[in-house]
Amino acid sequence: MSTWVSDIAVERFEDVETQAVGPDPATALVFCSRSEEAYVLGPRTRGRYFAGVDAHRLRVRLRPGMARAVLGVGVRELVDRVVPLRELWGVPVGDPSSLRTALAARLASLDPRHDALVASAARLVPSVGVAGAASRLNVSERHLRTLFTAAVGLPPKRYAKVDRVRRAVATGGAGGWTRVAAELGYYDQSHLNAEFRATMGVAPGAFAAGRYPASTPCQRGLAK
């Protein structure tokens, strides 16, 4: 399963005024305690702020590049969307145990080499760029962009940008934003500030201090 899945976690959400969720270029399968079926969370290109709920969910995060094979659809159709899993697999998945069972059965029928090139590119692009990844994988940049966008849902450059902001959000600014900017490959802190604000709606310092934009209701209890 590790070939297809980057991590499986049980996440808890508290009944607080506002809950913040960062962007994520990966696709995930989730089952929330406040819903009655499993859903697919497509790549999320912007941060979200929602009114806190007392809930927990099982989240299965698919490795970038593997979602197309697992779900059977082009991932571009799923960007910034929440879709019932039954609409893609044709069968209802009504509890966490059923989700694990259905996923295991699905993975058992797949060729682990499917989209392996894209999965390798997803690991390379954030550090060496599109040209560097294409060179190392012995394909043209145009061919890589086409394959990558169909399998991951986002063009490689946008994927790298979203993933970098995701990692910046995860740091919480520990060690100072200048240090975070350097560690994540931004040109400087101003570059980090601009991308962070464009994605999260607030500057890094304001986010770290909990000064969030207005929240919205939690969609289907999924904290999308």
Protein backbone atom coordinates (compact mmCIF):
# COMPACT_ATOMS: atom_id res chain seq x y z
CA MET A 1 0.00 0.00 0.00
CA SER A 2 2.92 2.37 0.62
CA THR A 3 3.49 2.56 -3.14
CA TRP A 4 0.15 4.32 -3.51
CA VAL A 5 -0.46 5.94 -0.12
CA SER A 6 1.80 8.50 1.60
CA ASP A 7 0.08 8.31 4.99
CA ILE A 8 -3.06 7.23 6.82
CA ALA A 9 -4.12 9.29 9.82
CA VAL A 10 -7.02 9.88 12.17
CA GLU A 11 -7.44 13.64 12.53
CA ARG A 12 -9.40 15.34 15.29
CA PHE A 13 -11.11 18.71 14.91
CA GLU A 14 -12.15 20.78 17.90
CA ASP A 15 -15.23 22.91 18.40
CA VAL A 16 -13.26 26.17 18.22
CA GLU A 17 -14.15 29.49 16.60
CA THR A 18 -12.02 28.96 13.50
CA GLN A 19 -10.06 26.00 12.15
CA ALA A 20 -7.37 26.63 9.52
CA VAL A 21 -6.42 24.09 6.84
CA GLY A 22 -3.50 24.69 4.50
CA PRO A 23 -3.27 23.82 0.80
CA ASP A 24 -2.31 20.34 -0.35
CA PRO A 25 -1.45 19.26 -3.91
CA ALA A 26 -2.26 15.62 -3.11
CA THR A 27 -5.63 13.88 -3.34
CA ALA A 28 -7.08 12.17 -0.27
CA LEU A 29 -9.86 9.74 0.64
CA VAL A 30 -11.67 10.61 3.86
CA PHE A 31 -14.43 9.42 6.12
CA CYS A 32 -15.64 11.97 8.68
CA SER A 33 -17.62 11.20 11.83
CA ARG A 34 -20.12 13.89 10.77
CA SER A 35 -20.88 12.31 7.40
CA GLU A 36 -22.42 9.03 6.27
CA GLU A 37 -20.09 8.09 3.44
CA ALA A 38 -16.52 8.41 2.19
CA TYR A 39 -15.42 11.33 0.05
CA VAL A 40 -12.55 12.27 -2.23
CA LEU A 41 -10.79 15.54 -1.50
CA GLY A 42 -9.11 16.77 -4.65
CA PRO A 43 -5.90 18.81 -4.69
CA ARG A 44 -6.49 21.94 -2.61
CA THR A 45 -4.84 25.04 -4.08
CA ARG A 46 -5.79 27.52 -1.34
CA GLY A 47 -6.06 27.57 2.42
CA ARG A 48 -9.49 27.21 4.01
CA TYR A 49 -10.93 28.61 7.22
CA PHE A 50 -14.06 27.08 8.66
CA ALA A 51 -16.11 27.24 11.81
CA GLY A 52 -14.74 24.62 14.16
CA VAL A 53 -16.63 21.37 14.68
CA ASP A 54 -16.26 18.56 17.19
CA ALA A 55 -15.40 15.73 14.83
CA HIS A 56 -12.74 13.29 13.72
CA ARG A 57 -11.95 11.74 10.37
CA LEU A 58 -9.91 8.99 8.77
CA ARG A 59 -7.74 10.49 6.02
CA VAL A 60 -5.87 8.41 3.42
CA ARG A 61 -3.49 10.71 1.52
CA LEU A 62 -2.56 9.31 -1.89
CA ARG A 63 0.92 9.86 -3.22
CA PRO A 64 0.99 12.60 -5.88
CA GLY A 65 0.83 10.93 -9.27
CA MET A 66 -1.04 7.86 -8.02
CA ALA A 67 -4.58 9.24 -7.66
CA ARG A 68 -5.54 8.77 -11.31
CA ALA A 69 -4.84 5.04 -11.17
CA VAL A 70 -6.50 4.58 -7.78
CA LEU A 71 -9.63 6.59 -8.57
CA GLY A 72 -9.98 5.87 -12.27
CA VAL A 73 -10.49 9.50 -13.34
CA GLY A 74 -8.34 12.40 -14.45
CA VAL A 75 -7.41 14.36 -11.34
CA ARG A 76 -7.85 17.75 -13.04
CA GLU A 77 -11.59 17.17 -12.56
CA LEU A 78 -11.11 17.00 -8.79
CA VAL A 79 -9.06 20.14 -8.08
CA ASP A 80 -10.61 22.11 -5.18
CA ARG A 81 -13.61 19.77 -5.10
CA VAL A 82 -15.19 17.33 -2.65
CA VAL A 83 -16.73 14.33 -4.42
CA PRO A 84 -18.52 11.28 -2.92
CA LEU A 85 -16.33 8.24 -3.50
CA ARG A 86 -19.37 6.25 -4.70
CA GLU A 87 -19.57 8.55 -7.76
CA LEU A 88 -16.13 7.34 -8.85
CA TRP A 89 -16.17 3.69 -7.77
CA GLY A 90 -19.88 3.03 -8.24
CA VAL A 91 -20.38 1.53 -4.78
CA PRO A 92 -21.20 3.21 -1.45
CA VAL A 93 -18.49 3.28 1.21
CA GLY A 94 -20.27 3.87 4.50
CA ASP A 95 -17.70 3.57 7.28
CA PRO A 96 -13.92 3.69 7.91
CA SER A 97 -13.56 -0.10 7.85
CA SER A 98 -15.33 -0.29 4.48
CA LEU A 99 -13.08 2.46 3.15
CA ARG A 100 -9.94 0.53 4.10
CA THR A 101 -11.34 -2.70 2.65
CA ALA A 102 -12.45 -1.09 -0.61
CA LEU A 103 -9.12 0.68 -1.02
CA ALA A 104 -7.11 -2.49 -0.36
CA ALA A 105 -9.17 -4.38 -2.95
CA ARG A 106 -8.70 -1.58 -5.45
CA LEU A 107 -4.93 -1.43 -4.95
CA ALA A 108 -4.57 -5.20 -5.30
CA SER A 109 -5.80 -4.94 -8.89
CA LEU A 110 -3.41 -2.16 -9.95
CA ASP A 111 0.00 -2.30 -11.55
CA PRO A 112 2.45 -0.52 -9.19
CA ARG A 113 4.31 0.78 -12.25
CA HIS A 114 1.26 2.82 -13.30
CA ASP A 115 2.18 6.53 -13.36
CA ALA A 116 5.55 5.72 -11.75
CA LEU A 117 7.23 8.38 -13.89
CA VAL A 118 4.83 11.04 -12.62
CA ALA A 119 5.35 9.92 -9.03
CA SER A 120 9.10 10.30 -9.53
CA ALA A 121 8.57 13.74 -11.06
CA ALA A 122 6.46 14.80 -8.07
CA ARG A 123 9.43 14.07 -5.82
CA LEU A 124 11.87 15.90 -8.10
CA VAL A 125 9.99 19.00 -9.27
CA PRO A 126 9.92 20.88 -5.93
CA SER A 127 13.72 20.73 -5.67
CA VAL A 128 15.05 20.75 -9.25
CA GLY A 129 12.21 22.30 -11.26
CA VAL A 130 10.44 21.04 -14.37
CA ALA A 131 13.52 21.16 -16.62
CA GLY A 132 15.66 19.35 -14.06
CA ALA A 133 13.03 16.66 -13.48
CA ALA A 134 12.53 16.12 -17.22
CA SER A 135 16.26 15.78 -17.74
CA ARG A 136 16.68 13.24 -14.96
CA LEU A 137 13.70 11.22 -16.19
CA ASN A 138 14.81 11.37 -19.85
CA VAL A 139 11.59 12.92 -21.19
CA SER A 140 10.79 16.28 -22.76
CA GLU A 141 9.48 19.09 -20.58
CA ARG A 142 6.30 19.24 -22.66
CA HIS A 143 5.67 15.51 -22.29
CA LEU A 144 6.29 15.71 -18.55
CA ARG A 145 3.89 18.63 -18.13
CA THR A 146 1.16 16.77 -20.01
CA LEU A 147 1.54 13.54 -18.03
CA PHE A 148 1.97 15.35 -14.73
CA THR A 149 -1.09 17.57 -15.09
CA ALA A 150 -3.36 14.66 -16.04
CA ALA A 151 -2.17 12.45 -13.17
CA VAL A 152 -1.69 15.01 -10.38
CA GLY A 153 -4.35 17.54 -11.39
CA LEU A 154 -2.00 20.53 -11.33
CA PRO A 155 0.76 21.64 -13.71
CA PRO A 156 4.17 20.83 -12.18
CA LYS A 157 5.11 24.45 -11.40
CA ARG A 158 1.82 25.07 -9.63
CA TYR A 159 2.16 21.77 -7.82
CA ALA A 160 5.57 22.85 -6.50
CA LYS A 161 4.20 26.23 -5.39
CA VAL A 162 1.24 24.72 -3.53
CA ASP A 163 3.43 22.10 -1.88
CA ARG A 164 5.92 24.73 -0.74
CA VAL A 165 3.20 26.82 0.90
CA ARG A 166 1.82 23.64 2.50
CA ARG A 167 5.20 23.01 4.10
CA ALA A 168 5.50 26.65 5.16
CA VAL A 169 2.12 26.44 6.90
CA ALA A 170 3.21 23.24 8.66
CA THR A 171 6.27 24.97 10.17
CA GLY A 172 4.15 27.60 11.90
CA GLY A 173 7.08 29.97 11.44
CA ALA A 174 9.29 28.07 13.88
CA GLY A 175 12.76 29.63 13.87
CA GLY A 176 11.51 32.74 12.09
CA TRP A 177 10.04 33.23 8.63
CA THR A 178 13.39 34.26 7.15
CA ARG A 179 14.77 30.87 8.11
CA VAL A 180 11.67 29.09 6.79
CA ALA A 181 12.01 30.93 3.48
CA ALA A 182 15.64 29.83 3.12
CA GLU A 183 14.95 26.22 4.06
CA LEU A 184 12.06 25.89 1.60
CA GLY A 185 13.89 27.45 -1.34
CA TYR A 186 12.19 30.84 -1.60
CA TYR A 187 14.29 33.66 -3.03
CA ASP A 188 13.83 35.61 0.21
CA GLN A 189 11.20 36.30 2.87
CA SER A 190 9.35 38.71 0.59
CA HIS A 191 8.90 35.87 -1.90
CA LEU A 192 7.54 33.64 0.87
CA ASN A 193 5.23 36.40 2.10
CA ALA A 194 3.77 36.94 -1.37
CA GLU A 195 3.07 33.25 -2.07
CA PHE A 196 1.78 32.65 1.45
CA ARG A 197 -0.62 35.59 1.32
CA ALA A 198 -1.88 34.63 -2.16
CA THR A 199 -2.61 31.07 -0.99
CA MET A 200 -3.69 31.56 2.63
CA GLY A 201 -5.30 35.01 2.42
CA VAL A 202 -3.12 36.49 5.17
CA ALA A 203 0.56 37.19 5.77
CA PRO A 204 2.62 34.49 7.53
CA GLY A 205 2.92 36.50 10.75
CA ALA A 206 -0.82 37.08 10.97
CA PHE A 207 -1.48 33.39 10.30
CA ALA A 208 0.93 32.28 13.02
CA ALA A 209 -0.80 34.67 15.45
CA GLY A 210 -4.22 33.21 14.62
CA ARG A 211 -5.51 36.31 12.82
CA TYR A 212 -7.46 34.44 10.16
CA PRO A 213 -9.86 35.62 7.45
CA ALA A 214 -13.58 35.07 7.98
CA SER A 215 -14.51 31.40 8.30
CA THR A 216 -17.15 29.43 6.41
CA PRO A 217 -19.21 26.39 7.48
CA CYS A 218 -17.34 23.11 7.37
CA GLN A 219 -18.36 21.39 4.12
CA ARG A 220 -20.07 18.08 4.88
CA GLY A 221 -18.05 17.94 8.08
CA LEU A 222 -14.95 17.26 5.98
CA ALA A 223 -12.76 20.24 6.85
CA LYS A 224 -12.01 20.75 3.18
